[in-house]
Structure formats: C-alpha cells, structure tokens
Amino acid sequence: YFDTRGTRSGARSAFVNLNKEGISILIGPGSSDEALEVAPLAQRTQTLMLTPTASTPNLPRVGGEFVLRNTTSDIIEAVRMVEVCQEIGYREIAVIWQNNEYSTQWAAAFRDNFLKKNGIVPFQRHFSGNEENYDDLLKAIVEADPDAILLAGYYQPSSKIISELQKLDNFYPVIGPGSFYN
C-alpha cells in the first residue's frame, strides 16, 4: 500500500516502488488522472492493473490488455444524466468543471450531449479547485440565470462551491457526477 496523495507523480512513485517489490497485480489507483499516469507502466511491465474508480474514457487507449477498470465510463454516466435533466425539464444548464482529466471529460460529455438534445448552455467555465473563493464564478452563473448547474469536480472544491451557492439569494439545483458520493 502506498499513498499517492491524489497526484500523478504520487501514483507513478507508488507504482515504481510496488513494482520493485515484485507485484503482479495492482488494485488502483483511484482517480482518472492517476490511472492515466500508471496505465502505460502497468502495460509495459505486464502488471495487471484494476482501477475500481477511474472512469476516463481514455483509459483503454492509454492502457492495454493489462489495464482494467470496474466502473462506468464518464461518457455513459454523462449521457444518462442528460436524459435525467430532460425528464426533470431543465432546458438551460450552466456547466462548470474542475480542471482535471475526470471532470473535464465528464463535463464535455454532458455538455456535448445536452446540446445535441437541444439543451442550452448559457455559461461554461473550468476552475482549478485551489481557489480561495468562488465569488466571480458564482456571480457569472447568477448573471446567466440557468435552470440548474452541472458541477463536475472532486468533492473538496465541489463541496466548497455548493456551500457558497447556498449563501446566494438565487436557488439553483446542482447536478453532479458519481464522484459526489464522497
């Protein structure tokens, strides 16, 4: 077991150290960014890698026969979320996402499919996840006045954004990917 600290470099370092110990099977890493970093190494060393939570659609392209995942692709989840939003009746959705592999892929799949289904995206922007506050982002969303907000990101910055949203006079339902379970 190694702590990757949720970073690409941490995942690479953990894999290298585990590989030196002679592992033949790796369960992990957890995030899409980390999995994309480690997948080529696992393939090259013929280490069976099973990531239980990395959902990037790019994993099969970067990995190979030794790289597997046990979760749905971001695209499948995002397409289904578009259907749910249409069933609810949302026509205009602001799309915001954290600048990482997982969130970027998820938001793009949602946005592209929502637009194909005649949805309107009056506002879209990414954020780093390291911001002190999200005042400017939230002000721009309020100006766009969507029916709802699609927020794709890891739980720490997403929970901060939701917390700041709750302080606004305006109410916006927040839609998110499976990472919200955290």
C-alpha atoms as a PDB file:
ATOM      1  CA  TYR A   1       0.000   0.000   0.000  1.00  0.00           C
ATOM      2  CA  PHE A   2       1.230   3.473  -0.913  1.00  0.00           C
ATOM      3  CA  ASP A   3      -0.468   6.845  -0.572  1.00  0.00           C
ATOM      4  CA  THR A   4      -0.473   8.611  -3.938  1.00  0.00           C
ATOM      5  CA  ARG A   5      -1.592  11.906  -2.371  1.00  0.00           C
ATOM      6  CA  GLY A   6      -4.081  12.043  -5.253  1.00  0.00           C
ATOM      7  CA  THR A   7      -1.414  13.156  -7.705  1.00  0.00           C
ATOM      8  CA  ARG A   8       0.020  11.808 -10.943  1.00  0.00           C
ATOM      9  CA  SER A   9       3.555  11.943  -9.560  1.00  0.00           C
ATOM     10  CA  GLY A  10       2.452  10.185  -6.378  1.00  0.00           C
ATOM     11  CA  ALA A  11       0.791   7.438  -8.425  1.00  0.00           C
ATOM     12  CA  ARG A  12       3.906   6.989 -10.561  1.00  0.00           C
ATOM     13  CA  SER A  13       6.137   6.832  -7.481  1.00  0.00           C
ATOM     14  CA  ALA A  14       3.820   4.329  -5.777  1.00  0.00           C
ATOM     15  CA  PHE A  15       3.776   2.112  -8.863  1.00  0.00           C
ATOM     16  CA  VAL A  16       7.566   2.190  -9.211  1.00  0.00           C
ATOM     17  CA  ASN A  17       8.013   1.266  -5.537  1.00  0.00           C
ATOM     18  CA  LEU A  18       5.422  -1.522  -5.690  1.00  0.00           C
ATOM     19  CA  ASN A  19       6.968  -2.819  -8.901  1.00  0.00           C
ATOM     20  CA  LYS A  20      10.361  -3.021  -7.169  1.00  0.00           C
ATOM     21  CA  GLU A  21       8.657  -5.214  -4.554  1.00  0.00           C
ATOM     22  CA  GLY A  22       7.609  -7.564  -7.365  1.00  0.00           C
ATOM     23  CA  ILE A  23       3.845  -7.065  -7.512  1.00  0.00           C
ATOM     24  CA  SER A  24       1.991  -8.699 -10.387  1.00  0.00           C
ATOM     25  CA  ILE A  25      -1.453  -7.246  -9.620  1.00  0.00           C
ATOM     26  CA  LEU A  26      -2.322  -3.670  -8.677  1.00  0.00           C
ATOM     27  CA  ILE A  27      -5.692  -2.540  -7.376  1.00  0.00           C
ATOM     28  CA  GLY A  28      -5.755   1.172  -8.029  1.00  0.00           C
ATOM     29  CA  PRO A  29      -5.065   3.939  -8.489  1.00  0.00           C
ATOM     30  CA  GLY A  30      -8.323   5.698  -7.764  1.00  0.00           C
ATOM     31  CA  SER A  31      -8.553   8.796  -9.911  1.00  0.00           C
ATOM     32  CA  SER A  32      -8.575   9.059 -13.689  1.00  0.00           C
ATOM     33  CA  ASP A  33      -5.503  11.318 -13.667  1.00  0.00           C
ATOM     34  CA  GLU A  34      -3.538   8.813 -11.608  1.00  0.00           C
ATOM     35  CA  ALA A  35      -4.728   5.836 -13.665  1.00  0.00           C
ATOM     36  CA  LEU A  36      -3.683   7.524 -16.922  1.00  0.00           C
ATOM     37  CA  GLU A  37      -0.230   8.080 -15.435  1.00  0.00           C
ATOM     38  CA  VAL A  38       0.205   4.478 -14.285  1.00  0.00           C
ATOM     39  CA  ALA A  39      -1.549   2.583 -17.119  1.00  0.00           C
ATOM     40  CA  PRO A  40       1.376   2.663 -19.588  1.00  0.00           C
ATOM     41  CA  LEU A  41       3.722   1.456 -16.826  1.00  0.00           C
ATOM     42  CA  ALA A  42       1.396  -1.409 -15.922  1.00  0.00           C
ATOM     43  CA  GLN A  43       1.108  -2.406 -19.569  1.00  0.00           C
ATOM     44  CA  ARG A  44       4.867  -2.221 -20.153  1.00  0.00           C
ATOM     45  CA  THR A  45       5.667  -4.305 -17.048  1.00  0.00           C
ATOM     46  CA  GLN A  46       2.711  -6.656 -17.648  1.00  0.00           C
ATOM     47  CA  THR A  47       1.310  -5.832 -14.228  1.00  0.00           C
ATOM     48  CA  LEU A  48      -2.420  -6.455 -14.075  1.00  0.00           C
ATOM     49  CA  MET A  49      -3.977  -3.134 -13.012  1.00  0.00           C
ATOM     50  CA  LEU A  50      -7.585  -2.924 -11.854  1.00  0.00           C
ATOM     51  CA  THR A  51      -8.744   0.560 -11.022  1.00  0.00           C
ATOM     52  CA  PRO A  52     -12.021   0.491  -9.110  1.00  0.00           C
ATOM     53  CA  THR A  53     -12.956   4.129  -9.671  1.00  0.00           C
ATOM     54  CA  ALA A  54     -11.093   5.710 -12.623  1.00  0.00           C
ATOM     55  CA  SER A  55     -13.757   6.397 -15.229  1.00  0.00           C
ATOM     56  CA  THR A  56     -11.990   8.271 -18.022  1.00  0.00           C
ATOM     57  CA  PRO A  57     -12.934   7.028 -21.484  1.00  0.00           C
ATOM     58  CA  ASN A  58      -9.238   7.448 -22.404  1.00  0.00           C
ATOM     59  CA  LEU A  59      -8.071   4.585 -20.183  1.00  0.00           C
ATOM     60  CA  PRO A  60      -8.397   1.798 -22.807  1.00  0.00           C
ATOM     61  CA  ARG A  61      -6.428   3.895 -25.332  1.00  0.00           C
ATOM     62  CA  VAL A  62      -3.611   4.661 -22.876  1.00  0.00           C
ATOM     63  CA  GLY A  63      -3.599   1.253 -21.189  1.00  0.00           C
ATOM     64  CA  GLY A  64      -3.865  -2.084 -22.869  1.00  0.00           C
ATOM     65  CA  GLU A  65      -4.750  -5.670 -22.128  1.00  0.00           C
ATOM     66  CA  PHE A  66      -3.286  -5.460 -18.603  1.00  0.00           C
ATOM     67  CA  VAL A  67      -5.320  -2.368 -17.632  1.00  0.00           C
ATOM     68  CA  LEU A  68      -8.911  -2.791 -16.460  1.00  0.00           C
ATOM     69  CA  ARG A  69     -11.480  -0.697 -14.648  1.00  0.00           C
ATOM     70  CA  ASN A  70     -14.512  -1.607 -12.584  1.00  0.00           C
ATOM     71  CA  THR A  71     -16.671   1.452 -13.134  1.00  0.00           C
ATOM     72  CA  THR A  72     -18.742   3.021 -15.867  1.00  0.00           C
ATOM     73  CA  SER A  73     -17.117   5.330 -18.385  1.00  0.00           C
ATOM     74  CA  ASP A  74     -17.703   9.042 -17.840  1.00  0.00           C
ATOM     75  CA  ILE A  75     -19.461   9.223 -21.186  1.00  0.00           C
ATOM     76  CA  ILE A  76     -22.108   6.642 -20.283  1.00  0.00           C
ATOM     77  CA  GLU A  77     -22.834   8.345 -16.960  1.00  0.00           C
ATOM     78  CA  ALA A  78     -22.952  11.832 -18.510  1.00  0.00           C
ATOM     79  CA  VAL A  79     -25.304  10.756 -21.315  1.00  0.00           C
ATOM     80  CA  ARG A  80     -27.685   9.246 -18.766  1.00  0.00           C
ATOM     81  CA  MET A  81     -27.533  12.454 -16.701  1.00  0.00           C
ATOM     82  CA  VAL A  82     -28.618  14.420 -19.795  1.00  0.00           C
ATOM     83  CA  GLU A  83     -31.675  12.157 -20.048  1.00  0.00           C
ATOM     84  CA  VAL A  84     -32.484  12.730 -16.367  1.00  0.00           C
ATOM     85  CA  CYS A  85     -32.188  16.512 -16.789  1.00  0.00           C
ATOM     86  CA  GLN A  86     -34.560  16.408 -19.738  1.00  0.00           C
ATOM     87  CA  GLU A  87     -37.033  14.287 -17.772  1.00  0.00           C
ATOM     88  CA  ILE A  88     -36.951  16.906 -14.997  1.00  0.00           C
ATOM     89  CA  GLY A  89     -37.438  19.669 -17.558  1.00  0.00           C
ATOM     90  CA  TYR A  90     -34.152  21.593 -17.377  1.00  0.00           C
ATOM     91  CA  ARG A  91     -33.584  23.490 -20.635  1.00  0.00           C
ATOM     92  CA  GLU A  92     -30.683  25.750 -19.631  1.00  0.00           C
ATOM     93  CA  ILE A  93     -27.796  24.357 -17.597  1.00  0.00           C
ATOM     94  CA  ALA A  94     -24.595  26.140 -16.606  1.00  0.00           C
ATOM     95  CA  VAL A  95     -21.613  23.777 -16.868  1.00  0.00           C
ATOM     96  CA  ILE A  96     -18.646  24.213 -14.534  1.00  0.00           C
ATOM     97  CA  TRP A  97     -15.827  21.725 -14.013  1.00  0.00           C
ATOM     98  CA  GLN A  98     -12.564  21.248 -12.192  1.00  0.00           C
ATOM     99  CA  ASN A  99      -9.528  21.272 -14.467  1.00  0.00           C
ATOM    100  CA  ASN A 100      -8.555  17.581 -14.258  1.00  0.00           C
ATOM    101  CA  GLU A 101      -8.996  14.541 -16.511  1.00  0.00           C
ATOM    102  CA  TYR A 102     -12.090  13.169 -14.794  1.00  0.00           C
ATOM    103  CA  SER A 103     -14.045  16.404 -14.523  1.00  0.00           C
ATOM    104  CA  THR A 104     -13.074  17.749 -17.948  1.00  0.00           C
ATOM    105  CA  GLN A 105     -14.133  14.540 -19.721  1.00  0.00           C
ATOM    106  CA  TRP A 106     -17.350  14.301 -17.727  1.00  0.00           C
ATOM    107  CA  ALA A 107     -18.375  17.920 -18.304  1.00  0.00           C
ATOM    108  CA  ALA A 108     -17.560  17.740 -22.027  1.00  0.00           C
ATOM    109  CA  ALA A 109     -19.593  14.548 -22.480  1.00  0.00           C
ATOM    110  CA  PHE A 110     -22.535  16.085 -20.621  1.00  0.00           C
ATOM    111  CA  ARG A 111     -22.369  19.426 -22.458  1.00  0.00           C
ATOM    112  CA  ASP A 112     -21.992  17.900 -25.914  1.00  0.00           C
ATOM    113  CA  ASN A 113     -24.900  15.504 -25.418  1.00  0.00           C
ATOM    114  CA  PHE A 114     -27.082  18.163 -23.786  1.00  0.00           C
ATOM    115  CA  LEU A 115     -26.540  20.483 -26.747  1.00  0.00           C
ATOM    116  CA  LYS A 116     -27.330  17.653 -29.213  1.00  0.00           C
ATOM    117  CA  LYS A 117     -30.663  17.228 -27.413  1.00  0.00           C
ATOM    118  CA  ASN A 118     -31.453  20.949 -27.939  1.00  0.00           C
ATOM    119  CA  GLY A 119     -30.400  21.974 -24.446  1.00  0.00           C
ATOM    120  CA  ILE A 120     -28.878  25.397 -23.860  1.00  0.00           C
ATOM    121  CA  VAL A 121     -25.599  26.014 -22.016  1.00  0.00           C
ATOM    122  CA  PRO A 122     -25.704  29.723 -21.115  1.00  0.00           C
ATOM    123  CA  PHE A 123     -22.454  29.561 -19.137  1.00  0.00           C
ATOM    124  CA  GLN A 124     -19.423  27.267 -19.021  1.00  0.00           C
ATOM    125  CA  ARG A 125     -16.100  27.590 -17.255  1.00  0.00           C
ATOM    126  CA  HIS A 126     -13.483  25.480 -15.530  1.00  0.00           C
ATOM    127  CA  PHE A 127     -11.841  26.102 -12.167  1.00  0.00           C
ATOM    128  CA  SER A 128      -8.601  24.812 -10.670  1.00  0.00           C
ATOM    129  CA  GLY A 129     -10.037  23.588  -7.382  1.00  0.00           C
ATOM    130  CA  ASN A 130      -7.487  25.614  -5.414  1.00  0.00           C
ATOM    131  CA  GLU A 131      -9.401  28.904  -5.385  1.00  0.00           C
ATOM    132  CA  GLU A 132      -9.835  30.707  -2.069  1.00  0.00           C
ATOM    133  CA  ASN A 133     -13.418  31.553  -3.008  1.00  0.00           C
ATOM    134  CA  TYR A 134     -15.696  31.212  -5.996  1.00  0.00           C
ATOM    135  CA  ASP A 135     -17.374  34.630  -5.905  1.00  0.00           C
ATOM    136  CA  ASP A 136     -16.546  35.541  -9.518  1.00  0.00           C
ATOM    137  CA  LEU A 137     -17.642  32.152 -10.813  1.00  0.00           C
ATOM    138  CA  LEU A 138     -20.933  32.288  -8.899  1.00  0.00           C
ATOM    139  CA  LYS A 139     -21.597  35.881  -9.959  1.00  0.00           C
ATOM    140  CA  ALA A 140     -21.239  34.857 -13.615  1.00  0.00           C
ATOM    141  CA  ILE A 141     -23.609  31.928 -13.084  1.00  0.00           C
ATOM    142  CA  VAL A 142     -26.224  34.182 -11.486  1.00  0.00           C
ATOM    143  CA  GLU A 143     -25.936  36.554 -14.467  1.00  0.00           C
ATOM    144  CA  ALA A 144     -26.537  33.621 -16.853  1.00  0.00           C
ATOM    145  CA  ASP A 145     -29.547  32.531 -14.717  1.00  0.00           C
ATOM    146  CA  PRO A 146     -29.709  28.847 -15.744  1.00  0.00           C
ATOM    147  CA  ASP A 147     -32.338  26.323 -14.677  1.00  0.00           C
ATOM    148  CA  ALA A 148     -29.620  24.262 -12.974  1.00  0.00           C
ATOM    149  CA  ILE A 149     -25.853  23.902 -12.622  1.00  0.00           C
ATOM    150  CA  LEU A 150     -23.803  20.916 -13.718  1.00  0.00           C
ATOM    151  CA  LEU A 151     -20.799  20.766 -11.368  1.00  0.00           C
ATOM    152  CA  ALA A 152     -18.126  18.226 -12.269  1.00  0.00           C
ATOM    153  CA  GLY A 153     -15.284  18.050  -9.787  1.00  0.00           C
ATOM    154  CA  TYR A 154     -13.782  16.247  -6.863  1.00  0.00           C
ATOM    155  CA  TYR A 155     -15.556  16.513  -3.559  1.00  0.00           C
ATOM    156  CA  GLN A 156     -13.404  19.129  -1.787  1.00  0.00           C
ATOM    157  CA  PRO A 157     -13.783  22.021  -4.245  1.00  0.00           C
ATOM    158  CA  SER A 158     -17.298  20.905  -5.217  1.00  0.00           C
ATOM    159  CA  SER A 159     -18.488  20.987  -1.617  1.00  0.00           C
ATOM    160  CA  LYS A 160     -16.974  24.453  -1.202  1.00  0.00           C
ATOM    161  CA  ILE A 161     -18.799  25.701  -4.309  1.00  0.00           C
ATOM    162  CA  ILE A 162     -22.080  24.187  -3.137  1.00  0.00           C
ATOM    163  CA  SER A 163     -21.600  25.776   0.275  1.00  0.00           C
ATOM    164  CA  GLU A 164     -21.068  29.183  -1.339  1.00  0.00           C
ATOM    165  CA  LEU A 165     -24.079  28.622  -3.631  1.00  0.00           C
ATOM    166  CA  GLN A 166     -26.302  28.076  -0.598  1.00  0.00           C
ATOM    167  CA  LYS A 167     -25.499  31.593   0.613  1.00  0.00           C
ATOM    168  CA  LEU A 168     -26.905  33.184  -2.552  1.00  0.00           C
ATOM    169  CA  ASP A 169     -30.415  34.591  -2.806  1.00  0.00           C
ATOM    170  CA  ASN A 170     -30.921  32.581  -6.007  1.00  0.00           C
ATOM    171  CA  PHE A 171     -31.671  28.862  -5.889  1.00  0.00           C
ATOM    172  CA  TYR A 172     -30.051  26.574  -8.441  1.00  0.00           C
ATOM    173  CA  PRO A 173     -30.306  22.794  -8.374  1.00  0.00           C
ATOM    174  CA  VAL A 174     -26.839  21.268  -8.634  1.00  0.00           C
ATOM    175  CA  ILE A 175     -26.308  18.198 -10.799  1.00  0.00           C
ATOM    176  CA  GLY A 176     -23.124  16.192 -10.488  1.00  0.00           C
ATOM    177  CA  PRO A 177     -21.294  13.031 -11.448  1.00  0.00           C
ATOM    178  CA  GLY A 178     -20.813   9.912  -9.365  1.00  0.00           C
ATOM    179  CA  SER A 179     -17.886  11.490  -7.518  1.00  0.00           C
ATOM    180  CA  PHE A 180     -20.442  13.413  -5.475  1.00  0.00           C
ATOM    181  CA  TYR A 181     -20.988  10.339  -3.324  1.00  0.00           C
ATOM    182  CA  ASN A 182     -17.883  11.395  -1.385  1.00  0.00           C
END
